[in-house]
């Protein structure tokens, strides 16, 4: 192993829609985490592993920081708190269009004690460069011990400066995972997330937030993978919306989900989807445990 090999956990925090998942996918060079313009897309803590000859960075994408309304939300915030405990470096993302007061409530909640990189995201939405410079100066004055960088994760503006900043603070150590690892999660987990991503893309209003996905079968055959999954909703009316007239919406959901799965797995997929009603599942400890929210 080369001298001064660096390794550590770099945990990404921020409000919903700050662009955390877009950034993680960009840094990894892999479309590992689902993305949606709707808030609360990320529900699980997901590790993404980047290994190079002189370093291994274990990125952690955490759920967006929210005020919990359900047991589901409480479990999401528990994952944020657990990520605070093992961070060597923290990345804190903030939509540059949002008030600094919103950001301050998040930073006070986190109470970060490790080297911190503050990324002011979505600068592509601001036309006046002087406004960006003024805001960077404001945040730098408020948080003088932090690195502050204005970026656009979507347009990849200034994102090439992030890795050098991380490596500046990453401790020396040994690799935590084999060189070919990209995540601690299984393919089974990711196909469930892909279905959920397509639900966010296809359905409006409250449907995505009342929905969970449980992969019941993942069978690898010679020429294709056979996947069966339950889509959980809270009410019968939501089930009818998911199905659509004559089953048209669930059919489209299956087509869209299968396409992204085949690209991810590199193999043909036979996908079967079933919709089940579980009233108030977001507040039911047994259901949450069954659906992977431990």
C-alpha atoms as a PDB file:
ATOM      1  CA  UNK A   1       0.000   0.000   0.000  1.00  0.00           C
ATOM      2  CA  UNK A   2       1.402   3.470  -0.870  1.00  0.00           C
ATOM      3  CA  UNK A   3       2.826   5.667   1.846  1.00  0.00           C
ATOM      4  CA  UNK A   4       0.425   8.149   3.436  1.00  0.00           C
ATOM      5  CA  UNK A   5      -2.629   6.239   2.318  1.00  0.00           C
ATOM      6  CA  UNK A   6      -5.669   8.200   3.487  1.00  0.00           C
ATOM      7  CA  UNK A   7      -9.036   6.780   4.443  1.00  0.00           C
ATOM      8  CA  UNK A   8     -12.095   7.829   6.354  1.00  0.00           C
ATOM      9  CA  UNK A   9     -15.808   8.524   6.473  1.00  0.00           C
ATOM     10  CA  UNK A  10     -17.107  11.647   4.774  1.00  0.00           C
ATOM     11  CA  UNK A  11     -20.730  12.205   5.725  1.00  0.00           C
ATOM     12  CA  UNK A  12     -23.034  14.472   3.730  1.00  0.00           C
ATOM     13  CA  UNK A  13     -25.697  16.431   5.604  1.00  0.00           C
ATOM     14  CA  UNK A  14     -28.257  19.034   4.623  1.00  0.00           C
ATOM     15  CA  UNK A  15     -31.896  19.962   4.285  1.00  0.00           C
ATOM     16  CA  UNK A  16     -34.173  18.076   1.873  1.00  0.00           C
ATOM     17  CA  UNK A  17     -33.545  19.178  -1.718  1.00  0.00           C
ATOM     18  CA  UNK A  18     -30.096  20.586  -0.961  1.00  0.00           C
ATOM     19  CA  UNK A  19     -28.684  18.318  -3.690  1.00  0.00           C
ATOM     20  CA  UNK A  20     -26.900  15.729  -1.522  1.00  0.00           C
ATOM     21  CA  UNK A  21     -27.757  12.715  -3.667  1.00  0.00           C
ATOM     22  CA  UNK A  22     -26.770  14.463  -6.907  1.00  0.00           C
ATOM     23  CA  UNK A  23     -23.416  15.323  -5.352  1.00  0.00           C
ATOM     24  CA  UNK A  24     -22.766  11.785  -4.103  1.00  0.00           C
ATOM     25  CA  UNK A  25     -23.482  10.269  -7.512  1.00  0.00           C
ATOM     26  CA  UNK A  26     -21.168  12.853  -9.092  1.00  0.00           C
ATOM     27  CA  UNK A  27     -18.289  12.195  -6.686  1.00  0.00           C
ATOM     28  CA  UNK A  28     -18.591   8.428  -7.104  1.00  0.00           C
ATOM     29  CA  UNK A  29     -19.040   8.505 -10.869  1.00  0.00           C
ATOM     30  CA  UNK A  30     -21.922   6.078 -10.321  1.00  0.00           C
ATOM     31  CA  UNK A  31     -25.693   6.597 -10.234  1.00  0.00           C
ATOM     32  CA  UNK A  32     -25.925   5.006  -6.820  1.00  0.00           C
ATOM     33  CA  UNK A  33     -28.517   7.133  -5.025  1.00  0.00           C
ATOM     34  CA  UNK A  34     -32.017   7.917  -6.270  1.00  0.00           C
ATOM     35  CA  UNK A  35     -32.779  11.513  -7.206  1.00  0.00           C
ATOM     36  CA  UNK A  36     -36.027  13.450  -7.322  1.00  0.00           C
ATOM     37  CA  UNK A  37     -36.938  17.151  -7.220  1.00  0.00           C
ATOM     38  CA  UNK A  38     -39.449  16.186  -4.508  1.00  0.00           C
ATOM     39  CA  UNK A  39     -38.277  16.416  -0.901  1.00  0.00           C
ATOM     40  CA  UNK A  40     -37.554  13.500   1.439  1.00  0.00           C
ATOM     41  CA  UNK A  41     -36.376  11.190  -1.340  1.00  0.00           C
ATOM     42  CA  UNK A  42     -33.518   9.757   0.747  1.00  0.00           C
ATOM     43  CA  UNK A  43     -34.826   7.656   3.644  1.00  0.00           C
ATOM     44  CA  UNK A  44     -31.834   5.440   4.379  1.00  0.00           C
ATOM     45  CA  UNK A  45     -28.216   6.131   5.134  1.00  0.00           C
ATOM     46  CA  UNK A  46     -26.336   4.868   2.085  1.00  0.00           C
ATOM     47  CA  UNK A  47     -22.573   4.377   1.875  1.00  0.00           C
ATOM     48  CA  UNK A  48     -20.767   5.012  -1.396  1.00  0.00           C
ATOM     49  CA  UNK A  49     -17.125   3.929  -1.611  1.00  0.00           C
ATOM     50  CA  UNK A  50     -14.489   5.677  -3.730  1.00  0.00           C
ATOM     51  CA  UNK A  51     -11.109   3.915  -3.854  1.00  0.00           C
ATOM     52  CA  UNK A  52      -7.985   5.218  -5.576  1.00  0.00           C
ATOM     53  CA  UNK A  53      -4.313   4.172  -5.205  1.00  0.00           C
ATOM     54  CA  UNK A  54      -3.660   6.711  -2.438  1.00  0.00           C
ATOM     55  CA  UNK A  55      -6.998   6.920  -0.656  1.00  0.00           C
ATOM     56  CA  UNK A  56     -10.367   5.390   0.109  1.00  0.00           C
ATOM     57  CA  UNK A  57     -13.283   7.701   0.898  1.00  0.00           C
ATOM     58  CA  UNK A  58     -16.434   6.197   2.369  1.00  0.00           C
ATOM     59  CA  UNK A  59     -19.166   8.693   1.588  1.00  0.00           C
ATOM     60  CA  UNK A  60     -22.406   8.588   3.534  1.00  0.00           C
ATOM     61  CA  UNK A  61     -25.580  10.143   2.140  1.00  0.00           C
ATOM     62  CA  UNK A  62     -28.017  10.803   4.968  1.00  0.00           C
ATOM     63  CA  UNK A  63     -31.741  11.689   4.912  1.00  0.00           C
ATOM     64  CA  UNK A  64     -32.526  15.394   4.701  1.00  0.00           C
ATOM     65  CA  UNK A  65     -32.926  17.017   8.106  1.00  0.00           C
ATOM     66  CA  UNK A  66     -36.603  17.527   8.951  1.00  0.00           C
ATOM     67  CA  UNK A  67     -38.877  17.945  11.953  1.00  0.00           C
ATOM     68  CA  UNK A  68     -40.223  14.392  12.563  1.00  0.00           C
ATOM     69  CA  UNK A  69     -43.987  13.903  12.134  1.00  0.00           C
ATOM     70  CA  UNK A  70     -44.044  10.097  12.041  1.00  0.00           C
ATOM     71  CA  UNK A  71     -41.997   7.219  13.445  1.00  0.00           C
ATOM     72  CA  UNK A  72     -40.580   6.872   9.926  1.00  0.00           C
ATOM     73  CA  UNK A  73     -39.182  10.405  10.192  1.00  0.00           C
ATOM     74  CA  UNK A  74     -37.782   9.659  13.648  1.00  0.00           C
ATOM     75  CA  UNK A  75     -35.898   6.677  12.277  1.00  0.00           C
ATOM     76  CA  UNK A  76     -34.587   8.794   9.403  1.00  0.00           C
ATOM     77  CA  UNK A  77     -33.246  11.366  11.882  1.00  0.00           C
ATOM     78  CA  UNK A  78     -31.684   8.574  13.962  1.00  0.00           C
ATOM     79  CA  UNK A  79     -29.639   7.696  10.877  1.00  0.00           C
ATOM     80  CA  UNK A  80     -28.461  11.298  10.678  1.00  0.00           C
ATOM     81  CA  UNK A  81     -27.371  11.181  14.320  1.00  0.00           C
ATOM     82  CA  UNK A  82     -25.534   7.874  13.854  1.00  0.00           C
ATOM     83  CA  UNK A  83     -23.684   9.405  10.893  1.00  0.00           C
ATOM     84  CA  UNK A  84     -22.448  12.191  13.170  1.00  0.00           C
ATOM     85  CA  UNK A  85     -20.691   9.653  15.366  1.00  0.00           C
ATOM     86  CA  UNK A  86     -18.354   8.170  12.757  1.00  0.00           C
ATOM     87  CA  UNK A  87     -17.636  11.189  10.529  1.00  0.00           C
ATOM     88  CA  UNK A  88     -13.973  12.081   9.900  1.00  0.00           C
ATOM     89  CA  UNK A  89     -14.997  14.934   7.612  1.00  0.00           C
ATOM     90  CA  UNK A  90     -18.444  16.477   7.195  1.00  0.00           C
ATOM     91  CA  UNK A  91     -19.919  17.956   4.036  1.00  0.00           C
ATOM     92  CA  UNK A  92     -22.795  20.278   4.784  1.00  0.00           C
ATOM     93  CA  UNK A  93     -24.887  21.245   1.762  1.00  0.00           C
ATOM     94  CA  UNK A  94     -27.180  24.248   1.543  1.00  0.00           C
ATOM     95  CA  UNK A  95     -29.292  25.651  -1.279  1.00  0.00           C
ATOM     96  CA  UNK A  96     -27.763  29.084  -1.816  1.00  0.00           C
ATOM     97  CA  UNK A  97     -31.239  30.472  -2.534  1.00  0.00           C
ATOM     98  CA  UNK A  98     -32.514  29.592   0.930  1.00  0.00           C
ATOM     99  CA  UNK A  99     -32.199  31.956   3.916  1.00  0.00           C
ATOM    100  CA  UNK A 100     -29.136  31.710   6.126  1.00  0.00           C
ATOM    101  CA  UNK A 101     -31.522  31.365   9.096  1.00  0.00           C
ATOM    102  CA  UNK A 102     -32.724  28.013   7.704  1.00  0.00           C
ATOM    103  CA  UNK A 103     -29.137  26.875   7.450  1.00  0.00           C
ATOM    104  CA  UNK A 104     -28.275  28.012  10.965  1.00  0.00           C
ATOM    105  CA  UNK A 105     -31.033  25.851  12.460  1.00  0.00           C
ATOM    106  CA  UNK A 106     -29.533  22.811  10.708  1.00  0.00           C
ATOM    107  CA  UNK A 107     -25.952  23.598  11.701  1.00  0.00           C
ATOM    108  CA  UNK A 108     -26.985  24.085  15.339  1.00  0.00           C
ATOM    109  CA  UNK A 109     -28.853  20.764  15.241  1.00  0.00           C
ATOM    110  CA  UNK A 110     -25.778  18.931  13.929  1.00  0.00           C
ATOM    111  CA  UNK A 111     -23.201  20.524  16.266  1.00  0.00           C
ATOM    112  CA  UNK A 112     -20.374  19.385  13.990  1.00  0.00           C
ATOM    113  CA  UNK A 113     -17.034  18.789  15.707  1.00  0.00           C
ATOM    114  CA  UNK A 114     -15.039  17.494  12.723  1.00  0.00           C
ATOM    115  CA  UNK A 115     -13.488  19.359   9.768  1.00  0.00           C
ATOM    116  CA  UNK A 116     -16.433  20.700   7.775  1.00  0.00           C
ATOM    117  CA  UNK A 117     -16.847  21.668   4.139  1.00  0.00           C
ATOM    118  CA  UNK A 118     -19.860  23.889   3.482  1.00  0.00           C
ATOM    119  CA  UNK A 119     -21.105  23.621  -0.092  1.00  0.00           C
ATOM    120  CA  UNK A 120     -23.434  26.403  -1.200  1.00  0.00           C
ATOM    121  CA  UNK A 121     -25.240  24.592  -3.988  1.00  0.00           C
ATOM    122  CA  UNK A 122     -27.316  25.681  -6.997  1.00  0.00           C
ATOM    123  CA  UNK A 123     -25.266  28.723  -7.972  1.00  0.00           C
ATOM    124  CA  UNK A 124     -26.423  28.057 -11.542  1.00  0.00           C
ATOM    125  CA  UNK A 125     -29.771  29.558 -10.505  1.00  0.00           C
ATOM    126  CA  UNK A 126     -28.130  32.918  -9.677  1.00  0.00           C
ATOM    127  CA  UNK A 127     -27.151  35.159 -12.578  1.00  0.00           C
ATOM    128  CA  UNK A 128     -25.228  37.781 -10.625  1.00  0.00           C
ATOM    129  CA  UNK A 129     -21.727  36.604  -9.691  1.00  0.00           C
ATOM    130  CA  UNK A 130     -21.389  39.425  -7.156  1.00  0.00           C
ATOM    131  CA  UNK A 131     -24.371  37.973  -5.247  1.00  0.00           C
ATOM    132  CA  UNK A 132     -22.596  34.617  -5.047  1.00  0.00           C
ATOM    133  CA  UNK A 133     -19.390  36.267  -3.811  1.00  0.00           C
ATOM    134  CA  UNK A 134     -21.322  38.237  -1.194  1.00  0.00           C
ATOM    135  CA  UNK A 135     -23.072  35.118   0.102  1.00  0.00           C
ATOM    136  CA  UNK A 136     -19.832  33.112   0.249  1.00  0.00           C
ATOM    137  CA  UNK A 137     -18.259  35.928   2.279  1.00  0.00           C
ATOM    138  CA  UNK A 138     -21.268  36.021   4.610  1.00  0.00           C
ATOM    139  CA  UNK A 139     -21.119  32.279   5.351  1.00  0.00           C
ATOM    140  CA  UNK A 140     -17.335  32.361   5.683  1.00  0.00           C
ATOM    141  CA  UNK A 141     -17.613  35.121   8.295  1.00  0.00           C
ATOM    142  CA  UNK A 142     -20.286  33.153  10.218  1.00  0.00           C
ATOM    143  CA  UNK A 143     -18.294  29.899  10.066  1.00  0.00           C
ATOM    144  CA  UNK A 144     -14.607  30.914   9.947  1.00  0.00           C
ATOM    145  CA  UNK A 145     -13.301  27.413  10.776  1.00  0.00           C
ATOM    146  CA  UNK A 146     -15.081  25.806   7.824  1.00  0.00           C
ATOM    147  CA  UNK A 147     -14.170  25.549   4.166  1.00  0.00           C
ATOM    148  CA  UNK A 148     -16.858  27.343   2.133  1.00  0.00           C
ATOM    149  CA  UNK A 149     -17.308  26.613  -1.561  1.00  0.00           C
ATOM    150  CA  UNK A 150     -20.017  27.741  -3.980  1.00  0.00           C
ATOM    151  CA  UNK A 151     -20.966  24.991  -6.440  1.00  0.00           C
ATOM    152  CA  UNK A 152     -23.576  23.662  -8.799  1.00  0.00           C
ATOM    153  CA  UNK A 153     -23.815  19.892  -8.419  1.00  0.00           C
ATOM    154  CA  UNK A 154     -26.209  19.724 -11.378  1.00  0.00           C
ATOM    155  CA  UNK A 155     -23.948  21.732 -13.715  1.00  0.00           C
ATOM    156  CA  UNK A 156     -20.733  20.389 -12.106  1.00  0.00           C
ATOM    157  CA  UNK A 157     -19.479  23.921 -11.419  1.00  0.00           C
ATOM    158  CA  UNK A 158     -16.526  23.986  -8.978  1.00  0.00           C
ATOM    159  CA  UNK A 159     -17.175  20.333  -8.076  1.00  0.00           C
ATOM    160  CA  UNK A 160     -13.605  19.438  -9.081  1.00  0.00           C
ATOM    161  CA  UNK A 161     -12.452  21.369  -6.001  1.00  0.00           C
ATOM    162  CA  UNK A 162     -14.323  19.151  -3.535  1.00  0.00           C
ATOM    163  CA  UNK A 163     -12.075  16.065  -3.499  1.00  0.00           C
ATOM    164  CA  UNK A 164      -8.870  18.086  -2.843  1.00  0.00           C
ATOM    165  CA  UNK A 165     -10.635  19.745   0.110  1.00  0.00           C
ATOM    166  CA  UNK A 166     -11.680  16.352   1.492  1.00  0.00           C
ATOM    167  CA  UNK A 167      -8.179  14.911   1.126  1.00  0.00           C
ATOM    168  CA  UNK A 168      -6.777  17.942   2.941  1.00  0.00           C
ATOM    169  CA  UNK A 169      -8.553  16.800   6.108  1.00  0.00           C
ATOM    170  CA  UNK A 170      -8.846  13.024   5.623  1.00  0.00           C
ATOM    171  CA  UNK A 171      -6.718  11.087   8.156  1.00  0.00           C
ATOM    172  CA  UNK A 172      -4.130   8.476   7.267  1.00  0.00           C
ATOM    173  CA  UNK A 173      -5.283   4.903   7.632  1.00  0.00           C
ATOM    174  CA  UNK A 174      -6.141   1.654   5.887  1.00  0.00           C
ATOM    175  CA  UNK A 175      -8.895   0.747   3.441  1.00  0.00           C
ATOM    176  CA  UNK A 176     -12.158  -0.236   5.125  1.00  0.00           C
ATOM    177  CA  UNK A 177     -13.536  -2.081   2.075  1.00  0.00           C
ATOM    178  CA  UNK A 178     -12.126  -4.114  -0.863  1.00  0.00           C
ATOM    179  CA  UNK A 179     -10.989  -2.045  -3.852  1.00  0.00           C
ATOM    180  CA  UNK A 180     -13.927  -3.107  -6.032  1.00  0.00           C
ATOM    181  CA  UNK A 181     -16.648  -2.191  -3.511  1.00  0.00           C
ATOM    182  CA  UNK A 182     -18.942   0.716  -4.405  1.00  0.00           C
ATOM    183  CA  UNK A 183     -21.434   0.423  -1.532  1.00  0.00           C
ATOM    184  CA  UNK A 184     -22.321  -1.513   1.601  1.00  0.00           C
ATOM    185  CA  UNK A 185     -25.834  -2.118   0.228  1.00  0.00           C
ATOM    186  CA  UNK A 186     -26.995  -5.116  -1.828  1.00  0.00           C
ATOM    187  CA  UNK A 187     -28.399  -5.147  -5.357  1.00  0.00           C
ATOM    188  CA  UNK A 188     -31.715  -6.149  -3.790  1.00  0.00           C
ATOM    189  CA  UNK A 189     -31.762  -2.878  -1.825  1.00  0.00           C
ATOM    190  CA  UNK A 190     -30.957  -0.787  -4.881  1.00  0.00           C
ATOM    191  CA  UNK A 191     -33.681  -2.278  -7.087  1.00  0.00           C
ATOM    192  CA  UNK A 192     -36.208  -1.412  -4.363  1.00  0.00           C
ATOM    193  CA  UNK A 193     -34.899   2.159  -4.374  1.00  0.00           C
ATOM    194  CA  UNK A 194     -35.215   2.278  -8.172  1.00  0.00           C
ATOM    195  CA  UNK A 195     -38.905   1.416  -7.941  1.00  0.00           C
ATOM    196  CA  UNK A 196     -39.341   4.127  -5.329  1.00  0.00           C
ATOM    197  CA  UNK A 197     -37.529   6.630  -7.544  1.00  0.00           C
ATOM    198  CA  UNK A 198     -39.924   5.911 -10.408  1.00  0.00           C
ATOM    199  CA  UNK A 199     -42.881   6.361  -8.049  1.00  0.00           C
ATOM    200  CA  UNK A 200     -41.565   9.842  -7.257  1.00  0.00           C
ATOM    201  CA  UNK A 201     -41.250  10.549 -10.983  1.00  0.00           C
ATOM    202  CA  UNK A 202     -44.692   9.236 -12.024  1.00  0.00           C
ATOM    203  CA  UNK A 203     -47.043  10.182  -9.200  1.00  0.00           C
ATOM    204  CA  UNK A 204     -48.023  13.541  -7.772  1.00  0.00           C
ATOM    205  CA  UNK A 205     -48.957  15.025  -4.403  1.00  0.00           C
ATOM    206  CA  UNK A 206     -48.815  12.742  -1.367  1.00  0.00           C
ATOM    207  CA  UNK A 207     -48.467   9.347  -3.084  1.00  0.00           C
ATOM    208  CA  UNK A 208     -44.621   9.044  -2.932  1.00  0.00           C
ATOM    209  CA  UNK A 209     -44.559   9.974   0.750  1.00  0.00           C
ATOM    210  CA  UNK A 210     -47.113   7.314   1.690  1.00  0.00           C
ATOM    211  CA  UNK A 211     -45.273   4.629  -0.264  1.00  0.00           C
ATOM    212  CA  UNK A 212     -42.705   2.006   0.738  1.00  0.00           C
ATOM    213  CA  UNK A 213     -41.198  -0.743  -1.420  1.00  0.00           C
ATOM    214  CA  UNK A 214     -40.427  -4.245  -0.182  1.00  0.00           C
ATOM    215  CA  UNK A 215     -38.530  -6.568  -2.541  1.00  0.00           C
ATOM    216  CA  UNK A 216     -39.945 -10.025  -1.841  1.00  0.00           C
ATOM    217  CA  UNK A 217     -37.893 -11.997  -4.369  1.00  0.00           C
ATOM    218  CA  UNK A 218     -34.638 -11.427  -6.232  1.00  0.00           C
ATOM    219  CA  UNK A 219     -33.767 -14.526  -8.240  1.00  0.00           C
ATOM    220  CA  UNK A 220     -30.735 -14.502 -10.503  1.00  0.00           C
ATOM    221  CA  UNK A 221     -31.123 -16.813 -13.493  1.00  0.00           C
ATOM    222  CA  UNK A 222     -28.792 -17.420 -16.414  1.00  0.00           C
ATOM    223  CA  UNK A 223     -30.354 -14.950 -18.826  1.00  0.00           C
ATOM    224  CA  UNK A 224     -32.373 -12.669 -16.554  1.00  0.00           C
ATOM    225  CA  UNK A 225     -33.222 -11.625 -13.010  1.00  0.00           C
ATOM    226  CA  UNK A 226     -36.703 -12.311 -11.656  1.00  0.00           C
ATOM    227  CA  UNK A 227     -37.765  -9.602  -9.214  1.00  0.00           C
ATOM    228  CA  UNK A 228     -41.019  -9.418  -7.251  1.00  0.00           C
ATOM    229  CA  UNK A 229     -41.816  -6.404  -5.104  1.00  0.00           C
ATOM    230  CA  UNK A 230     -44.656  -5.112  -2.939  1.00  0.00           C
ATOM    231  CA  UNK A 231     -45.550  -1.438  -3.016  1.00  0.00           C
ATOM    232  CA  UNK A 232     -47.015  -0.429   0.321  1.00  0.00           C
ATOM    233  CA  UNK A 233     -49.508   2.423   0.672  1.00  0.00           C
ATOM    234  CA  UNK A 234     -51.566   3.784   3.564  1.00  0.00           C
ATOM    235  CA  UNK A 235     -55.060   3.885   2.052  1.00  0.00           C
ATOM    236  CA  UNK A 236     -57.214   2.103  -0.510  1.00  0.00           C
ATOM    237  CA  UNK A 237     -57.619   5.328  -2.507  1.00  0.00           C
ATOM    238  CA  UNK A 238     -53.827   5.521  -2.867  1.00  0.00           C
ATOM    239  CA  UNK A 239     -53.785   1.966  -4.172  1.00  0.00           C
ATOM    240  CA  UNK A 240     -56.302   2.918  -6.857  1.00  0.00           C
ATOM    241  CA  UNK A 241     -54.155   5.897  -7.896  1.00  0.00           C
ATOM    242  CA  UNK A 242     -51.057   3.694  -8.058  1.00  0.00           C
ATOM    243  CA  UNK A 243     -52.844   1.157 -10.227  1.00  0.00           C
ATOM    244  CA  UNK A 244     -54.428   3.750 -12.527  1.00  0.00           C
ATOM    245  CA  UNK A 245     -57.347   3.210 -14.867  1.00  0.00           C
ATOM    246  CA  UNK A 246     -57.266  -0.361 -16.138  1.00  0.00           C
ATOM    247  CA  UNK A 247     -53.869  -0.825 -14.464  1.00  0.00           C
ATOM    248  CA  UNK A 248     -52.250   1.723 -16.811  1.00  0.00           C
ATOM    249  CA  UNK A 249     -50.140   3.489 -14.188  1.00  0.00           C
ATOM    250  CA  UNK A 250     -48.748   0.387 -12.504  1.00  0.00           C
ATOM    251  CA  UNK A 251     -47.892  -0.955 -15.958  1.00  0.00           C
ATOM    252  CA  UNK A 252     -45.935   2.213 -16.775  1.00  0.00           C
ATOM    253  CA  UNK A 253     -44.252   2.081 -13.392  1.00  0.00           C
ATOM    254  CA  UNK A 254     -43.145  -1.475 -14.138  1.00  0.00           C
ATOM    255  CA  UNK A 255     -41.765  -0.495 -17.561  1.00  0.00           C
ATOM    256  CA  UNK A 256     -39.823   2.482 -16.196  1.00  0.00           C
ATOM    257  CA  UNK A 257     -38.478   0.533 -13.211  1.00  0.00           C
ATOM    258  CA  UNK A 258     -37.427  -2.415 -15.337  1.00  0.00           C
ATOM    259  CA  UNK A 259     -35.476  -0.168 -17.709  1.00  0.00           C
ATOM    260  CA  UNK A 260     -33.345   1.389 -14.972  1.00  0.00           C
ATOM    261  CA  UNK A 261     -32.845  -2.001 -13.291  1.00  0.00           C
ATOM    262  CA  UNK A 262     -31.576  -3.573 -16.514  1.00  0.00           C
ATOM    263  CA  UNK A 263     -29.124  -0.717 -16.987  1.00  0.00           C
ATOM    264  CA  UNK A 264     -27.921  -1.062 -13.388  1.00  0.00           C
ATOM    265  CA  UNK A 265     -27.706  -4.872 -13.330  1.00  0.00           C
ATOM    266  CA  UNK A 266     -26.518  -5.354 -16.914  1.00  0.00           C
ATOM    267  CA  UNK A 267     -29.056  -8.129 -17.416  1.00  0.00           C
ATOM    268  CA  UNK A 268     -32.681  -8.555 -18.522  1.00  0.00           C
ATOM    269  CA  UNK A 269     -35.252  -8.244 -15.744  1.00  0.00           C
ATOM    270  CA  UNK A 270     -38.660  -9.844 -15.288  1.00  0.00           C
ATOM    271  CA  UNK A 271     -40.450  -7.571 -12.795  1.00  0.00           C
ATOM    272  CA  UNK A 272     -43.714  -8.185 -10.957  1.00  0.00           C
ATOM    273  CA  UNK A 273     -45.269  -5.457  -8.809  1.00  0.00           C
ATOM    274  CA  UNK A 274     -48.025  -5.853  -6.218  1.00  0.00           C
ATOM    275  CA  UNK A 275     -49.777  -3.025  -4.337  1.00  0.00           C
ATOM    276  CA  UNK A 276     -50.762  -3.627  -0.710  1.00  0.00           C
ATOM    277  CA  UNK A 277     -52.571  -1.399   1.790  1.00  0.00           C
ATOM    278  CA  UNK A 278     -51.072  -1.121   5.277  1.00  0.00           C
ATOM    279  CA  UNK A 279     -52.915   1.633   7.217  1.00  0.00           C
ATOM    280  CA  UNK A 280     -50.631   4.043   9.094  1.00  0.00           C
ATOM    281  CA  UNK A 281     -47.527   2.023   8.252  1.00  0.00           C
ATOM    282  CA  UNK A 282     -45.320   5.109   8.802  1.00  0.00           C
ATOM    283  CA  UNK A 283     -46.198   4.985  12.511  1.00  0.00           C
ATOM    284  CA  UNK A 284     -46.135   1.206  12.947  1.00  0.00           C
ATOM    285  CA  UNK A 285     -42.935  -0.152  14.478  1.00  0.00           C
ATOM    286  CA  UNK A 286     -43.411  -3.685  13.108  1.00  0.00           C
ATOM    287  CA  UNK A 287     -44.098  -2.503   9.561  1.00  0.00           C
ATOM    288  CA  UNK A 288     -41.154  -0.103   9.647  1.00  0.00           C
ATOM    289  CA  UNK A 289     -38.829  -2.879  10.773  1.00  0.00           C
ATOM    290  CA  UNK A 290     -40.143  -5.168   8.008  1.00  0.00           C
ATOM    291  CA  UNK A 291     -39.546  -2.471   5.394  1.00  0.00           C
ATOM    292  CA  UNK A 292     -35.944  -1.970   6.476  1.00  0.00           C
ATOM    293  CA  UNK A 293     -36.309   1.095   8.713  1.00  0.00           C
ATOM    294  CA  UNK A 294     -34.480  -0.217  11.763  1.00  0.00           C
END
